[in-house]
């Protein structure tokens, strides 16, 4: 689901900007700036299933990559929705320059 920055920071899924759980979701990444994604499944965001996608406009140089962070929890097992979410968003985002800043 797409949420505000504050909801992303607090893993709060109660008022998403966009929500879909049909397994075949497309999200329009049609304006420059950050887009905040979290898993709506209880406890998943707190375990790291969230990411920020930075959309860069034409002619905008990409920002410097963030410093690596120490792991904060268990890795997401293969085949869970976190990987599916990232893959789906990556597929949709191929039409625009995109930089993933946080996972």
PDB file of N, CA and C in Angstrom:
ATOM      1  N   UNK A   1       0.829  -1.162   0.000  1.00  0.00           N
ATOM      2  CA  UNK A   1       0.000   0.000   0.000  1.00  0.00           C
ATOM      3  C   UNK A   1       0.883   1.239   0.000  1.00  0.00           C
ATOM      4  N   UNK A   2       0.346   2.325  -0.532  1.00  0.00           N
ATOM      5  CA  UNK A   2       1.046   3.604  -0.551  1.00  0.00           C
ATOM      6  C   UNK A   2       0.535   4.415   0.637  1.00  0.00           C
ATOM      7  N   UNK A   3       1.468   4.987   1.397  1.00  0.00           N
ATOM      8  CA  UNK A   3       1.111   5.752   2.590  1.00  0.00           C
ATOM      9  C   UNK A   3       1.876   7.071   2.622  1.00  0.00           C
ATOM     10  N   UNK A   4       1.522   7.924   3.576  1.00  0.00           N
ATOM     11  CA  UNK A   4       2.257   9.172   3.770  1.00  0.00           C
ATOM     12  C   UNK A   4       3.609   8.877   4.413  1.00  0.00           C
ATOM     13  N   UNK A   5       4.489   9.865   4.424  1.00  0.00           N
ATOM     14  CA  UNK A   5       5.789   9.687   5.054  1.00  0.00           C
ATOM     15  C   UNK A   5       5.629   9.390   6.552  1.00  0.00           C
ATOM     16  N   UNK A   6       4.714  10.091   7.208  1.00  0.00           N
ATOM     17  CA  UNK A   6       4.496   9.864   8.649  1.00  0.00           C
ATOM     18  C   UNK A   6       3.998   8.443   8.903  1.00  0.00           C
ATOM     19  N   UNK A   7       3.063   7.963   8.062  1.00  0.00           N
ATOM     20  CA  UNK A   7       2.564   6.595   8.233  1.00  0.00           C
ATOM     21  C   UNK A   7       3.653   5.579   7.922  1.00  0.00           C
ATOM     22  N   UNK A   8       4.510   5.879   6.956  1.00  0.00           N
ATOM     23  CA  UNK A   8       5.655   5.015   6.647  1.00  0.00           C
ATOM     24  C   UNK A   8       6.588   4.931   7.853  1.00  0.00           C
ATOM     25  N   UNK A   9       6.919   6.088   8.427  1.00  0.00           N
ATOM     26  CA  UNK A   9       7.845   6.124   9.563  1.00  0.00           C
ATOM     27  C   UNK A   9       7.311   5.349  10.768  1.00  0.00           C
ATOM     28  N   UNK A  10       5.984   5.300  10.912  1.00  0.00           N
ATOM     29  CA  UNK A  10       5.361   4.640  12.064  1.00  0.00           C
ATOM     30  C   UNK A  10       4.708   3.299  11.717  1.00  0.00           C
ATOM     31  N   UNK A  11       4.920   2.812  10.491  1.00  0.00           N
ATOM     32  CA  UNK A  11       4.298   1.556  10.041  1.00  0.00           C
ATOM     33  C   UNK A  11       2.794   1.555  10.327  1.00  0.00           C
ATOM     34  N   UNK A  12       2.152   2.658  10.015  1.00  0.00           N
ATOM     35  CA  UNK A  12       0.720   2.809  10.260  1.00  0.00           C
ATOM     36  C   UNK A  12      -0.025   2.595   8.945  1.00  0.00           C
ATOM     37  N   UNK A  13      -0.882   1.557   8.918  1.00  0.00           N
ATOM     38  CA  UNK A  13      -1.581   1.182   7.686  1.00  0.00           C
ATOM     39  C   UNK A  13      -3.065   1.531   7.716  1.00  0.00           C
ATOM     40  N   UNK A  14      -3.501   2.326   8.687  1.00  0.00           N
ATOM     41  CA  UNK A  14      -4.941   2.573   8.863  1.00  0.00           C
ATOM     42  C   UNK A  14      -5.548   3.534   7.849  1.00  0.00           C
ATOM     43  N   UNK A  15      -4.756   4.407   7.214  1.00  0.00           N
ATOM     44  CA  UNK A  15      -5.284   5.375   6.252  1.00  0.00           C
ATOM     45  C   UNK A  15      -4.395   5.443   5.004  1.00  0.00           C
ATOM     46  N   UNK A  16      -4.355   4.375   4.210  1.00  0.00           N
ATOM     47  CA  UNK A  16      -3.479   4.389   3.036  1.00  0.00           C
ATOM     48  C   UNK A  16      -3.958   5.369   1.969  1.00  0.00           C
ATOM     49  N   UNK A  17      -3.006   5.884   1.220  1.00  0.00           N
ATOM     50  CA  UNK A  17      -3.316   6.705   0.048  1.00  0.00           C
ATOM     51  C   UNK A  17      -3.838   5.794  -1.058  1.00  0.00           C
ATOM     52  N   UNK A  18      -3.244   4.604  -1.172  1.00  0.00           N
ATOM     53  CA  UNK A  18      -3.645   3.611  -2.171  1.00  0.00           C
ATOM     54  C   UNK A  18      -3.489   2.234  -1.557  1.00  0.00           C
ATOM     55  N   UNK A  19      -4.472   1.373  -1.788  1.00  0.00           N
ATOM     56  CA  UNK A  19      -4.440   0.010  -1.266  1.00  0.00           C
ATOM     57  C   UNK A  19      -4.983  -0.948  -2.316  1.00  0.00           C
ATOM     58  N   UNK A  20      -4.344  -2.076  -2.458  1.00  0.00           N
ATOM     59  CA  UNK A  20      -4.833  -3.149  -3.315  1.00  0.00           C
ATOM     60  C   UNK A  20      -4.235  -4.450  -2.802  1.00  0.00           C
ATOM     61  N   UNK A  21      -5.034  -5.506  -2.832  1.00  0.00           N
ATOM     62  CA  UNK A  21      -4.514  -6.811  -2.419  1.00  0.00           C
ATOM     63  C   UNK A  21      -4.941  -7.911  -3.382  1.00  0.00           C
ATOM     64  N   UNK A  22      -5.090  -7.548  -4.656  1.00  0.00           N
ATOM     65  CA  UNK A  22      -5.541  -8.537  -5.636  1.00  0.00           C
ATOM     66  C   UNK A  22      -4.404  -9.332  -6.261  1.00  0.00           C
ATOM     67  N   UNK A  23      -3.159  -9.034  -5.903  1.00  0.00           N
ATOM     68  CA  UNK A  23      -2.026  -9.783  -6.433  1.00  0.00           C
ATOM     69  C   UNK A  23      -1.558  -9.332  -7.803  1.00  0.00           C
ATOM     70  N   UNK A  24      -2.264  -8.385  -8.403  1.00  0.00           N
ATOM     71  CA  UNK A  24      -1.899  -7.888  -9.731  1.00  0.00           C
ATOM     72  C   UNK A  24      -2.077  -6.369  -9.729  1.00  0.00           C
ATOM     73  N   UNK A  25      -1.277  -5.705  -8.933  1.00  0.00           N
ATOM     74  CA  UNK A  25      -1.467  -4.276  -8.697  1.00  0.00           C
ATOM     75  C   UNK A  25      -0.469  -3.454  -9.487  1.00  0.00           C
ATOM     76  N   UNK A  26      -0.952  -2.377 -10.070  1.00  0.00           N
ATOM     77  CA  UNK A  26      -0.096  -1.409 -10.743  1.00  0.00           C
ATOM     78  C   UNK A  26      -0.269  -0.071 -10.032  1.00  0.00           C
ATOM     79  N   UNK A  27       0.843   0.605  -9.773  1.00  0.00           N
ATOM     80  CA  UNK A  27       0.819   1.904  -9.109  1.00  0.00           C
ATOM     81  C   UNK A  27       1.412   2.915 -10.079  1.00  0.00           C
ATOM     82  N   UNK A  28       0.684   3.998 -10.323  1.00  0.00           N
ATOM     83  CA  UNK A  28       1.183   5.047 -11.216  1.00  0.00           C
ATOM     84  C   UNK A  28       2.267   5.845 -10.495  1.00  0.00           C
ATOM     85  N   UNK A  29       3.443   5.845 -11.058  1.00  0.00           N
ATOM     86  CA  UNK A  29       4.557   6.644 -10.527  1.00  0.00           C
ATOM     87  C   UNK A  29       4.765   7.783 -11.511  1.00  0.00           C
ATOM     88  N   UNK A  30       3.842   8.742 -11.478  1.00  0.00           N
ATOM     89  CA  UNK A  30       3.762   9.740 -12.537  1.00  0.00           C
ATOM     90  C   UNK A  30       4.157  11.158 -12.134  1.00  0.00           C
ATOM     91  N   UNK A  31       4.780  11.308 -10.966  1.00  0.00           N
ATOM     92  CA  UNK A  31       5.245  12.635 -10.560  1.00  0.00           C
ATOM     93  C   UNK A  31       6.528  12.492  -9.746  1.00  0.00           C
ATOM     94  N   UNK A  32       7.437  13.468  -9.871  1.00  0.00           N
ATOM     95  CA  UNK A  32       8.689  13.388  -9.128  1.00  0.00           C
ATOM     96  C   UNK A  32       8.452  13.458  -7.622  1.00  0.00           C
ATOM     97  N   UNK A  33       9.337  12.811  -6.882  1.00  0.00           N
ATOM     98  CA  UNK A  33       9.275  12.841  -5.427  1.00  0.00           C
ATOM     99  C   UNK A  33       9.222  11.444  -4.850  1.00  0.00           C
ATOM    100  N   UNK A  34       9.234  11.355  -3.525  1.00  0.00           N
ATOM    101  CA  UNK A  34       9.212  10.042  -2.872  1.00  0.00           C
ATOM    102  C   UNK A  34       7.803   9.444  -2.848  1.00  0.00           C
ATOM    103  N   UNK A  35       7.749   8.128  -2.959  1.00  0.00           N
ATOM    104  CA  UNK A  35       6.505   7.374  -2.804  1.00  0.00           C
ATOM    105  C   UNK A  35       6.799   6.319  -1.738  1.00  0.00           C
ATOM    106  N   UNK A  36       5.967   6.273  -0.716  1.00  0.00           N
ATOM    107  CA  UNK A  36       6.201   5.418   0.455  1.00  0.00           C
ATOM    108  C   UNK A  36       5.300   4.196   0.394  1.00  0.00           C
ATOM    109  N   UNK A  37       5.895   3.007   0.426  1.00  0.00           N
ATOM    110  CA  UNK A  37       5.171   1.748   0.366  1.00  0.00           C
ATOM    111  C   UNK A  37       5.407   0.955   1.651  1.00  0.00           C
ATOM    112  N   UNK A  38       4.331   0.376   2.191  1.00  0.00           N
ATOM    113  CA  UNK A  38       4.461  -0.544   3.315  1.00  0.00           C
ATOM    114  C   UNK A  38       3.560  -1.744   3.075  1.00  0.00           C
ATOM    115  N   UNK A  39       3.879  -2.846   3.722  1.00  0.00           N
ATOM    116  CA  UNK A  39       2.995  -4.005   3.707  1.00  0.00           C
ATOM    117  C   UNK A  39       1.866  -3.731   4.681  1.00  0.00           C
ATOM    118  N   UNK A  40       0.644  -4.050   4.281  1.00  0.00           N
ATOM    119  CA  UNK A  40      -0.503  -3.865   5.151  1.00  0.00           C
ATOM    120  C   UNK A  40      -0.762  -5.049   6.065  1.00  0.00           C
ATOM    121  N   UNK A  41      -0.016  -6.118   5.880  1.00  0.00           N
ATOM    122  CA  UNK A  41      -0.177  -7.301   6.719  1.00  0.00           C
ATOM    123  C   UNK A  41       0.401  -7.014   8.102  1.00  0.00           C
ATOM    124  N   UNK A  42      -0.351  -7.332   9.129  1.00  0.00           N
ATOM    125  CA  UNK A  42       0.042  -7.036  10.501  1.00  0.00           C
ATOM    126  C   UNK A  42       1.457  -7.539  10.819  1.00  0.00           C
ATOM    127  N   UNK A  43       2.303  -6.635  11.311  1.00  0.00           N
ATOM    128  CA  UNK A  43       3.659  -6.983  11.729  1.00  0.00           C
ATOM    129  C   UNK A  43       4.695  -6.992  10.621  1.00  0.00           C
ATOM    130  N   UNK A  44       4.287  -7.005   9.366  1.00  0.00           N
ATOM    131  CA  UNK A  44       5.255  -7.101   8.262  1.00  0.00           C
ATOM    132  C   UNK A  44       6.087  -5.830   8.099  1.00  0.00           C
ATOM    133  N   UNK A  45       5.461  -4.670   8.187  1.00  0.00           N
ATOM    134  CA  UNK A  45       6.211  -3.422   8.047  1.00  0.00           C
ATOM    135  C   UNK A  45       7.271  -3.322   9.143  1.00  0.00           C
ATOM    136  N   UNK A  46       6.879  -3.655  10.356  1.00  0.00           N
ATOM    137  CA  UNK A  46       7.819  -3.593  11.476  1.00  0.00           C
ATOM    138  C   UNK A  46       9.005  -4.535  11.277  1.00  0.00           C
ATOM    139  N   UNK A  47       8.816  -5.570  10.474  1.00  0.00           N
ATOM    140  CA  UNK A  47       9.912  -6.507  10.183  1.00  0.00           C
ATOM    141  C   UNK A  47      10.636  -6.149   8.888  1.00  0.00           C
ATOM    142  N   UNK A  48      10.368  -4.956   8.360  1.00  0.00           N
ATOM    143  CA  UNK A  48      11.157  -4.472   7.225  1.00  0.00           C
ATOM    144  C   UNK A  48      10.497  -4.530   5.867  1.00  0.00           C
ATOM    145  N   UNK A  49       9.256  -4.929   5.760  1.00  0.00           N
ATOM    146  CA  UNK A  49       8.609  -4.990   4.451  1.00  0.00           C
ATOM    147  C   UNK A  49       8.013  -3.628   4.116  1.00  0.00           C
ATOM    148  N   UNK A  50       8.905  -2.721   3.779  1.00  0.00           N
ATOM    149  CA  UNK A  50       8.542  -1.372   3.380  1.00  0.00           C
ATOM    150  C   UNK A  50       9.669  -0.806   2.537  1.00  0.00           C
ATOM    151  N   UNK A  51       9.348   0.198   1.731  1.00  0.00           N
ATOM    152  CA  UNK A  51      10.382   0.825   0.910  1.00  0.00           C
ATOM    153  C   UNK A  51       9.920   2.196   0.449  1.00  0.00           C
ATOM    154  N   UNK A  52      10.903   3.025   0.106  1.00  0.00           N
ATOM    155  CA  UNK A  52      10.654   4.344  -0.458  1.00  0.00           C
ATOM    156  C   UNK A  52      11.195   4.319  -1.877  1.00  0.00           C
ATOM    157  N   UNK A  53      10.375   4.782  -2.821  1.00  0.00           N
ATOM    158  CA  UNK A  53      10.810   4.896  -4.208  1.00  0.00           C
ATOM    159  C   UNK A  53      10.888   6.388  -4.520  1.00  0.00           C
ATOM    160  N   UNK A  54      12.055   6.843  -4.941  1.00  0.00           N
ATOM    161  CA  UNK A  54      12.242   8.250  -5.299  1.00  0.00           C
ATOM    162  C   UNK A  54      12.116   8.378  -6.812  1.00  0.00           C
ATOM    163  N   UNK A  55      11.104   9.098  -7.270  1.00  0.00           N
ATOM    164  CA  UNK A  55      10.895   9.321  -8.702  1.00  0.00           C
ATOM    165  C   UNK A  55      11.623  10.608  -9.066  1.00  0.00           C
ATOM    166  N   UNK A  56      12.497  10.527 -10.074  1.00  0.00           N
ATOM    167  CA  UNK A  56      13.249  11.691 -10.510  1.00  0.00           C
ATOM    168  C   UNK A  56      12.646  12.218 -11.799  1.00  0.00           C
ATOM    169  N   UNK A  57      12.495  13.534 -11.877  1.00  0.00           N
ATOM    170  CA  UNK A  57      11.954  14.159 -13.075  1.00  0.00           C
ATOM    171  C   UNK A  57      13.000  14.229 -14.162  1.00  0.00           C
ATOM    172  N   UNK A  58      12.569  14.517 -15.387  1.00  0.00           N
ATOM    173  CA  UNK A  58      13.525  14.646 -16.495  1.00  0.00           C
ATOM    174  C   UNK A  58      14.561  15.730 -16.203  1.00  0.00           C
ATOM    175  N   UNK A  59      15.808  15.419 -16.450  1.00  0.00           N
ATOM    176  CA  UNK A  59      16.886  16.369 -16.263  1.00  0.00           C
ATOM    177  C   UNK A  59      17.328  16.549 -14.822  1.00  0.00           C
ATOM    178  N   UNK A  60      16.724  15.820 -13.888  1.00  0.00           N
ATOM    179  CA  UNK A  60      17.106  15.919 -12.477  1.00  0.00           C
ATOM    180  C   UNK A  60      18.191  14.896 -12.188  1.00  0.00           C
ATOM    181  N   UNK A  61      19.334  15.337 -11.642  1.00  0.00           N
ATOM    182  CA  UNK A  61      20.358  14.350 -11.310  1.00  0.00           C
ATOM    183  C   UNK A  61      19.884  13.489 -10.137  1.00  0.00           C
ATOM    184  N   UNK A  62      20.212  12.216 -10.150  1.00  0.00           N
ATOM    185  CA  UNK A  62      19.786  11.349  -9.053  1.00  0.00           C
ATOM    186  C   UNK A  62      20.491  11.725  -7.755  1.00  0.00           C
ATOM    187  N   UNK A  63      19.805  11.548  -6.620  1.00  0.00           N
ATOM    188  CA  UNK A  63      20.448  11.835  -5.339  1.00  0.00           C
ATOM    189  C   UNK A  63      21.518  10.803  -5.023  1.00  0.00           C
ATOM    190  N   UNK A  64      22.427  11.168  -4.135  1.00  0.00           N
ATOM    191  CA  UNK A  64      23.459  10.224  -3.696  1.00  0.00           C
ATOM    192  C   UNK A  64      22.792   9.084  -2.932  1.00  0.00           C
ATOM    193  N   UNK A  65      23.289   7.865  -3.071  1.00  0.00           N
ATOM    194  CA  UNK A  65      22.696   6.749  -2.332  1.00  0.00           C
ATOM    195  C   UNK A  65      22.887   6.938  -0.830  1.00  0.00           C
ATOM    196  N   UNK A  66      21.937   6.430  -0.030  1.00  0.00           N
ATOM    197  CA  UNK A  66      22.069   6.564   1.420  1.00  0.00           C
ATOM    198  C   UNK A  66      23.178   5.675   1.959  1.00  0.00           C
ATOM    199  N   UNK A  67      23.652   6.002   3.148  1.00  0.00           N
ATOM    200  CA  UNK A  67      24.650   5.166   3.811  1.00  0.00           C
ATOM    201  C   UNK A  67      24.013   3.841   4.188  1.00  0.00           C
ATOM    202  N   UNK A  68      24.748   2.743   4.097  1.00  0.00           N
ATOM    203  CA  UNK A  68      24.188   1.446   4.486  1.00  0.00           C
ATOM    204  C   UNK A  68      23.805   1.463   5.964  1.00  0.00           C
ATOM    205  N   UNK A  69      22.683   0.810   6.261  1.00  0.00           N
ATOM    206  CA  UNK A  69      22.228   0.707   7.639  1.00  0.00           C
ATOM    207  C   UNK A  69      22.463  -0.695   8.142  1.00  0.00           C
ATOM    208  N   UNK A  70      22.656  -0.808   9.442  1.00  0.00           N
ATOM    209  CA  UNK A  70      22.803  -2.126  10.055  1.00  0.00           C
ATOM    210  C   UNK A  70      21.465  -2.842  10.006  1.00  0.00           C
ATOM    211  N   UNK A  71      21.454  -4.163   9.815  1.00  0.00           N
ATOM    212  CA  UNK A  71      20.192  -4.905   9.801  1.00  0.00           C
ATOM    213  C   UNK A  71      19.442  -4.703  11.120  1.00  0.00           C
ATOM    214  N   UNK A  72      18.110  -4.538  11.006  1.00  0.00           N
ATOM    215  CA  UNK A  72      17.314  -4.290  12.202  1.00  0.00           C
ATOM    216  C   UNK A  72      16.421  -5.461  12.567  1.00  0.00           C
ATOM    217  N   UNK A  73      16.367  -6.482  11.742  1.00  0.00           N
ATOM    218  CA  UNK A  73      15.487  -7.605  12.051  1.00  0.00           C
ATOM    219  C   UNK A  73      15.781  -8.770  11.141  1.00  0.00           C
ATOM    220  N   UNK A  74      14.914  -9.728  11.197  1.00  0.00           N
ATOM    221  CA  UNK A  74      15.084 -10.924  10.376  1.00  0.00           C
ATOM    222  C   UNK A  74      14.897 -10.588   8.908  1.00  0.00           C
ATOM    223  N   UNK A  75      15.608 -11.299   8.070  1.00  0.00           N
ATOM    224  CA  UNK A  75      15.466 -11.121   6.626  1.00  0.00           C
ATOM    225  C   UNK A  75      14.105 -11.621   6.189  1.00  0.00           C
ATOM    226  N   UNK A  76      13.602 -11.043   5.109  1.00  0.00           N
ATOM    227  CA  UNK A  76      12.322 -11.473   4.555  1.00  0.00           C
ATOM    228  C   UNK A  76      12.537 -12.790   3.824  1.00  0.00           C
ATOM    229  N   UNK A  77      11.814 -13.827   4.201  1.00  0.00           N
ATOM    230  CA  UNK A  77      11.974 -15.116   3.521  1.00  0.00           C
ATOM    231  C   UNK A  77      11.574 -15.017   2.051  1.00  0.00           C
ATOM    232  N   UNK A  78      12.237 -15.814   1.232  1.00  0.00           N
ATOM    233  CA  UNK A  78      11.912 -15.834  -0.189  1.00  0.00           C
ATOM    234  C   UNK A  78      10.463 -16.253  -0.371  1.00  0.00           C
ATOM    235  N   UNK A  79       9.803 -15.628  -1.344  1.00  0.00           N
ATOM    236  CA  UNK A  79       8.433 -15.994  -1.653  1.00  0.00           C
ATOM    237  C   UNK A  79       7.389 -15.270  -0.823  1.00  0.00           C
ATOM    238  N   UNK A  80       7.780 -14.308   0.027  1.00  0.00           N
ATOM    239  CA  UNK A  80       6.788 -13.573   0.799  1.00  0.00           C
ATOM    240  C   UNK A  80       6.360 -12.332   0.036  1.00  0.00           C
ATOM    241  N   UNK A  81       5.324 -11.667   0.515  1.00  0.00           N
ATOM    242  CA  UNK A  81       4.777 -10.528  -0.208  1.00  0.00           C
ATOM    243  C   UNK A  81       5.737  -9.358  -0.300  1.00  0.00           C
ATOM    244  N   UNK A  82       6.708  -9.249   0.599  1.00  0.00           N
ATOM    245  CA  UNK A  82       7.666  -8.153   0.507  1.00  0.00           C
ATOM    246  C   UNK A  82       8.426  -8.197  -0.801  1.00  0.00           C
ATOM    247  N   UNK A  83       8.892  -9.372  -1.187  1.00  0.00           N
ATOM    248  CA  UNK A  83       9.590  -9.526  -2.453  1.00  0.00           C
ATOM    249  C   UNK A  83       8.673  -9.312  -3.638  1.00  0.00           C
ATOM    250  N   UNK A  84       7.446  -9.779  -3.520  1.00  0.00           N
ATOM    251  CA  UNK A  84       6.474  -9.600  -4.593  1.00  0.00           C
ATOM    252  C   UNK A  84       6.153  -8.125  -4.766  1.00  0.00           C
ATOM    253  N   UNK A  85       6.003  -7.407  -3.661  1.00  0.00           N
ATOM    254  CA  UNK A  85       5.719  -5.976  -3.717  1.00  0.00           C
ATOM    255  C   UNK A  85       6.857  -5.245  -4.410  1.00  0.00           C
ATOM    256  N   UNK A  86       8.076  -5.530  -4.009  1.00  0.00           N
ATOM    257  CA  UNK A  86       9.225  -4.869  -4.621  1.00  0.00           C
ATOM    258  C   UNK A  86       9.317  -5.195  -6.107  1.00  0.00           C
ATOM    259  N   UNK A  87       9.076  -6.436  -6.478  1.00  0.00           N
ATOM    260  CA  UNK A  87       9.129  -6.826  -7.884  1.00  0.00           C
ATOM    261  C   UNK A  87       8.048  -6.152  -8.701  1.00  0.00           C
ATOM    262  N   UNK A  88       6.849  -6.075  -8.157  1.00  0.00           N
ATOM    263  CA  UNK A  88       5.741  -5.440  -8.869  1.00  0.00           C
ATOM    264  C   UNK A  88       6.004  -3.959  -9.068  1.00  0.00           C
ATOM    265  N   UNK A  89       6.517  -3.310  -8.031  1.00  0.00           N
ATOM    266  CA  UNK A  89       6.788  -1.885  -8.141  1.00  0.00           C
ATOM    267  C   UNK A  89       7.930  -1.642  -9.109  1.00  0.00           C
ATOM    268  N   UNK A  90       8.939  -2.491  -9.090  1.00  0.00           N
ATOM    269  CA  UNK A  90      10.052  -2.343 -10.024  1.00  0.00           C
ATOM    270  C   UNK A  90       9.559  -2.468 -11.456  1.00  0.00           C
ATOM    271  N   UNK A  91       8.635  -3.394 -11.706  1.00  0.00           N
ATOM    272  CA  UNK A  91       8.111  -3.579 -13.062  1.00  0.00           C
ATOM    273  C   UNK A  91       7.335  -2.351 -13.516  1.00  0.00           C
ATOM    274  N   UNK A  92       6.525  -1.793 -12.640  1.00  0.00           N
ATOM    275  CA  UNK A  92       5.734  -0.610 -12.975  1.00  0.00           C
ATOM    276  C   UNK A  92       6.632   0.593 -13.180  1.00  0.00           C
ATOM    277  N   UNK A  93       7.686   0.693 -12.412  1.00  0.00           N
ATOM    278  CA  UNK A  93       8.530   1.883 -12.410  1.00  0.00           C
ATOM    279  C   UNK A  93       9.487   1.953 -13.591  1.00  0.00           C
ATOM    280  N   UNK A  94       9.555   0.947 -14.417  1.00  0.00           N
ATOM    281  CA  UNK A  94      10.528   0.944 -15.492  1.00  0.00           C
ATOM    282  C   UNK A  94      10.313   2.055 -16.504  1.00  0.00           C
ATOM    283  N   UNK A  95       9.127   2.638 -16.540  1.00  0.00           N
ATOM    284  CA  UNK A  95       8.855   3.704 -17.497  1.00  0.00           C
ATOM    285  C   UNK A  95       9.457   5.041 -17.064  1.00  0.00           C
ATOM    286  N   UNK A  96       9.788   5.208 -15.803  1.00  0.00           N
ATOM    287  CA  UNK A  96      10.353   6.451 -15.285  1.00  0.00           C
ATOM    288  C   UNK A  96      11.668   6.161 -14.596  1.00  0.00           C
ATOM    289  N   UNK A  97      12.553   7.174 -14.519  1.00  0.00           N
ATOM    290  CA  UNK A  97      13.766   6.975 -13.723  1.00  0.00           C
ATOM    291  C   UNK A  97      13.381   6.853 -12.262  1.00  0.00           C
ATOM    292  N   UNK A  98      13.827   5.790 -11.605  1.00  0.00           N
ATOM    293  CA  UNK A  98      13.449   5.526 -10.223  1.00  0.00           C
ATOM    294  C   UNK A  98      14.691   5.152  -9.424  1.00  0.00           C
ATOM    295  N   UNK A  99      14.729   5.632  -8.193  1.00  0.00           N
ATOM    296  CA  UNK A  99      15.809   5.258  -7.281  1.00  0.00           C
ATOM    297  C   UNK A  99      15.134   4.759  -6.007  1.00  0.00           C
ATOM    298  N   UNK A 100      15.437   3.542  -5.595  1.00  0.00           N
ATOM    299  CA  UNK A 100      14.907   3.026  -4.352  1.00  0.00           C
ATOM    300  C   UNK A 100      15.847   3.453  -3.251  1.00  0.00           C
ATOM    301  N   UNK A 101      15.323   4.223  -2.268  1.00  0.00           N
ATOM    302  CA  UNK A 101      16.189   4.748  -1.228  1.00  0.00           C
ATOM    303  C   UNK A 101      16.169   3.937   0.036  1.00  0.00           C
ATOM    304  N   UNK A 102      15.133   3.265   0.340  1.00  0.00           N
ATOM    305  CA  UNK A 102      15.090   2.509   1.588  1.00  0.00           C
ATOM    306  C   UNK A 102      14.248   1.270   1.440  1.00  0.00           C
ATOM    307  N   UNK A 103      14.727   0.193   1.965  1.00  0.00           N
ATOM    308  CA  UNK A 103      13.954  -1.049   1.912  1.00  0.00           C
ATOM    309  C   UNK A 103      13.854  -1.578   3.319  1.00  0.00           C
TER     310      UNK A 103
END
